[in-house]
Amino acid sequence: MFNTQILTIQIDPILKQNAEMVFKQLGLSASQAINLFYQQVQLRQNLPFESKEIPNETTIKALNDAEAGKGVCFENTDKLFEDLGIKRKLFAASNSSKKMSSAYIGETYGTLE
């Protein structure tokens, strides 16, 4: 007999019912379908389907406003960060291939204050 573990999850009851109807049509139990899902995740080292993030209401409104030409525009990132109250900090990064410190100046951004 296989060594197994119990998986306890919370799921919307309507989603569960609808998915289990599909599993039944495929001749699978929910346990078998979940095992198949886990096997595919292990095999692919990723989700076995394309996943896209679904924007929330705030993001949808911002996207719609931007498309409609509403909102604030800045001529450059310096003006944007200034408006947000973000202080910019400079740091020196070493270039190990040329063994020169401070060969490259990068930027990091502080937090809102």
C-alpha atoms as a PDB file:
ATOM      1  CA  MET A   1       0.000   0.000   0.000  1.00  0.00           C
ATOM      2  CA  PHE A   2       1.185   3.541  -0.756  1.00  0.00           C
ATOM      3  CA  ASN A   3       2.277   5.896   1.979  1.00  0.00           C
ATOM      4  CA  THR A   4      -0.168   8.814   1.786  1.00  0.00           C
ATOM      5  CA  GLN A   5      -0.972  12.022   3.620  1.00  0.00           C
ATOM      6  CA  ILE A   6      -4.303  13.720   4.159  1.00  0.00           C
ATOM      7  CA  LEU A   7      -4.754  17.123   2.524  1.00  0.00           C
ATOM      8  CA  THR A   8      -7.313  19.464   4.079  1.00  0.00           C
ATOM      9  CA  ILE A   9      -8.317  22.508   2.045  1.00  0.00           C
ATOM     10  CA  GLN A  10     -10.997  25.159   2.025  1.00  0.00           C
ATOM     11  CA  ILE A  11     -12.869  25.519  -1.250  1.00  0.00           C
ATOM     12  CA  ASP A  12     -16.006  27.203  -2.486  1.00  0.00           C
ATOM     13  CA  PRO A  13     -18.767  24.550  -2.363  1.00  0.00           C
ATOM     14  CA  ILE A  14     -20.125  25.433  -5.817  1.00  0.00           C
ATOM     15  CA  LEU A  15     -16.630  25.253  -7.340  1.00  0.00           C
ATOM     16  CA  LYS A  16     -16.115  21.873  -5.652  1.00  0.00           C
ATOM     17  CA  GLN A  17     -19.429  20.528  -6.945  1.00  0.00           C
ATOM     18  CA  ASN A  18     -18.824  21.744 -10.507  1.00  0.00           C
ATOM     19  CA  ALA A  19     -15.268  20.421 -10.615  1.00  0.00           C
ATOM     20  CA  GLU A  20     -16.313  17.042  -9.209  1.00  0.00           C
ATOM     21  CA  MET A  21     -18.952  16.742 -11.958  1.00  0.00           C
ATOM     22  CA  VAL A  22     -16.144  17.169 -14.510  1.00  0.00           C
ATOM     23  CA  PHE A  23     -13.971  14.640 -12.660  1.00  0.00           C
ATOM     24  CA  LYS A  24     -16.853  12.156 -12.715  1.00  0.00           C
ATOM     25  CA  GLN A  25     -17.220  12.586 -16.489  1.00  0.00           C
ATOM     26  CA  LEU A  26     -13.493  11.874 -16.782  1.00  0.00           C
ATOM     27  CA  GLY A  27     -13.777   8.800 -14.547  1.00  0.00           C
ATOM     28  CA  LEU A  28     -11.727  10.374 -11.762  1.00  0.00           C
ATOM     29  CA  SER A  29     -12.293  10.906  -8.080  1.00  0.00           C
ATOM     30  CA  ALA A  30     -11.416  14.287  -6.568  1.00  0.00           C
ATOM     31  CA  SER A  31      -8.438  12.628  -4.877  1.00  0.00           C
ATOM     32  CA  GLN A  32      -7.171  11.233  -8.191  1.00  0.00           C
ATOM     33  CA  ALA A  33      -7.603  14.613  -9.907  1.00  0.00           C
ATOM     34  CA  ILE A  34      -5.704  16.413  -7.139  1.00  0.00           C
ATOM     35  CA  ASN A  35      -2.932  13.810  -7.309  1.00  0.00           C
ATOM     36  CA  LEU A  36      -2.698  14.372 -11.074  1.00  0.00           C
ATOM     37  CA  PHE A  37      -2.472  18.115 -10.472  1.00  0.00           C
ATOM     38  CA  TYR A  38       0.361  17.670  -7.930  1.00  0.00           C
ATOM     39  CA  GLN A  39       2.202  15.293 -10.287  1.00  0.00           C
ATOM     40  CA  GLN A  40       2.039  17.844 -13.102  1.00  0.00           C
ATOM     41  CA  VAL A  41       3.277  20.630 -10.817  1.00  0.00           C
ATOM     42  CA  GLN A  42       6.191  18.418  -9.787  1.00  0.00           C
ATOM     43  CA  LEU A  43       6.956  17.456 -13.397  1.00  0.00           C
ATOM     44  CA  ARG A  44       6.777  20.989 -14.807  1.00  0.00           C
ATOM     45  CA  GLN A  45       8.067  22.808 -11.734  1.00  0.00           C
ATOM     46  CA  ASN A  46       5.243  25.222 -12.429  1.00  0.00           C
ATOM     47  CA  LEU A  47       1.473  25.294 -12.688  1.00  0.00           C
ATOM     48  CA  PRO A  48       0.206  22.962 -15.436  1.00  0.00           C
ATOM     49  CA  PHE A  49      -1.744  25.780 -17.067  1.00  0.00           C
ATOM     50  CA  GLU A  50      -1.235  29.418 -17.970  1.00  0.00           C
ATOM     51  CA  SER A  51      -2.052  31.687 -15.075  1.00  0.00           C
ATOM     52  CA  LYS A  52      -2.707  35.371 -15.391  1.00  0.00           C
ATOM     53  CA  GLU A  53      -3.226  37.689 -12.516  1.00  0.00           C
ATOM     54  CA  ILE A  54      -6.721  39.099 -12.417  1.00  0.00           C
ATOM     55  CA  PRO A  55      -6.672  42.793 -11.543  1.00  0.00           C
ATOM     56  CA  ASN A  56      -8.698  43.937  -8.551  1.00  0.00           C
ATOM     57  CA  GLU A  57     -11.249  46.762  -8.711  1.00  0.00           C
ATOM     58  CA  THR A  58      -8.688  49.465  -7.868  1.00  0.00           C
ATOM     59  CA  THR A  59      -6.352  48.316 -10.629  1.00  0.00           C
ATOM     60  CA  ILE A  60      -9.204  48.058 -13.155  1.00  0.00           C
ATOM     61  CA  LYS A  61     -10.279  51.628 -12.334  1.00  0.00           C
ATOM     62  CA  ALA A  62      -6.687  52.877 -12.678  1.00  0.00           C
ATOM     63  CA  LEU A  63      -6.296  51.121 -16.042  1.00  0.00           C
ATOM     64  CA  ASN A  64      -9.604  52.522 -17.301  1.00  0.00           C
ATOM     65  CA  ASP A  65      -8.664  56.027 -16.097  1.00  0.00           C
ATOM     66  CA  ALA A  66      -5.280  55.795 -17.834  1.00  0.00           C
ATOM     67  CA  GLU A  67      -6.894  54.685 -21.093  1.00  0.00           C
ATOM     68  CA  ALA A  68      -9.344  57.594 -20.831  1.00  0.00           C
ATOM     69  CA  GLY A  69      -6.482  60.065 -20.345  1.00  0.00           C
ATOM     70  CA  LYS A  70      -7.369  60.732 -16.717  1.00  0.00           C
ATOM     71  CA  GLY A  71      -4.797  60.805 -13.975  1.00  0.00           C
ATOM     72  CA  VAL A  72      -1.485  62.484 -13.414  1.00  0.00           C
ATOM     73  CA  CYS A  73       1.432  62.432 -15.844  1.00  0.00           C
ATOM     74  CA  PHE A  74       5.046  63.156 -14.987  1.00  0.00           C
ATOM     75  CA  GLU A  75       7.826  64.183 -17.346  1.00  0.00           C
ATOM     76  CA  ASN A  76      10.236  61.759 -15.704  1.00  0.00           C
ATOM     77  CA  THR A  77      10.674  59.410 -12.745  1.00  0.00           C
ATOM     78  CA  ASP A  78      12.376  62.103 -10.673  1.00  0.00           C
ATOM     79  CA  LYS A  79       9.169  64.168 -10.746  1.00  0.00           C
ATOM     80  CA  LEU A  80       7.064  61.093  -9.952  1.00  0.00           C
ATOM     81  CA  PHE A  81       9.179  60.146  -6.937  1.00  0.00           C
ATOM     82  CA  GLU A  82       9.206  63.754  -5.761  1.00  0.00           C
ATOM     83  CA  ASP A  83       5.404  63.847  -5.932  1.00  0.00           C
ATOM     84  CA  LEU A  84       5.202  60.577  -3.986  1.00  0.00           C
ATOM     85  CA  GLY A  85       7.621  61.869  -1.372  1.00  0.00           C
ATOM     86  CA  ILE A  86      10.186  59.173  -2.086  1.00  0.00           C
ATOM     87  CA  LYS A  87      13.767  60.144  -1.400  1.00  0.00           C
ATOM     88  CA  ARG A  88      16.306  58.673  -3.773  1.00  0.00           C
ATOM     89  CA  LYS A  89      19.493  57.217  -2.389  1.00  0.00           C
ATOM     90  CA  LEU A  90      22.585  56.565  -4.463  1.00  0.00           C
ATOM     91  CA  PHE A  91      24.927  53.695  -3.816  1.00  0.00           C
ATOM     92  CA  ALA A  92      28.128  52.505  -5.433  1.00  0.00           C
ATOM     93  CA  ALA A  93      28.303  48.967  -6.733  1.00  0.00           C
ATOM     94  CA  SER A  94      31.581  47.258  -7.466  1.00  0.00           C
ATOM     95  CA  ASN A  95      32.351  45.863 -10.878  1.00  0.00           C
ATOM     96  CA  SER A  96      34.033  42.582  -9.958  1.00  0.00           C
ATOM     97  CA  SER A  97      35.045  41.702 -13.518  1.00  0.00           C
ATOM     98  CA  LYS A  98      37.222  44.841 -13.701  1.00  0.00           C
ATOM     99  CA  LYS A  99      37.923  44.907  -9.948  1.00  0.00           C
ATOM    100  CA  MET A 100      36.938  48.551  -9.770  1.00  0.00           C
ATOM    101  CA  SER A 101      34.811  49.739  -6.906  1.00  0.00           C
ATOM    102  CA  SER A 102      32.408  52.572  -7.575  1.00  0.00           C
ATOM    103  CA  ALA A 103      32.692  51.860 -11.298  1.00  0.00           C
ATOM    104  CA  TYR A 104      28.947  51.836 -11.558  1.00  0.00           C
ATOM    105  CA  ILE A 105      26.518  54.098  -9.727  1.00  0.00           C
ATOM    106  CA  GLY A 106      23.097  52.557  -9.271  1.00  0.00           C
ATOM    107  CA  GLU A 107      19.994  53.913  -7.659  1.00  0.00           C
ATOM    108  CA  THR A 108      17.745  52.553  -4.977  1.00  0.00           C
ATOM    109  CA  TYR A 109      14.624  54.203  -3.746  1.00  0.00           C
ATOM    110  CA  GLY A 110      13.653  54.843  -0.158  1.00  0.00           C
ATOM    111  CA  THR A 111      10.253  54.468   1.361  1.00  0.00           C
ATOM    112  CA  LEU A 112       7.454  56.975   1.660  1.00  0.00           C
ATOM    113  CA  GLU A 113       7.968  59.272   4.623  1.00  0.00           C
END
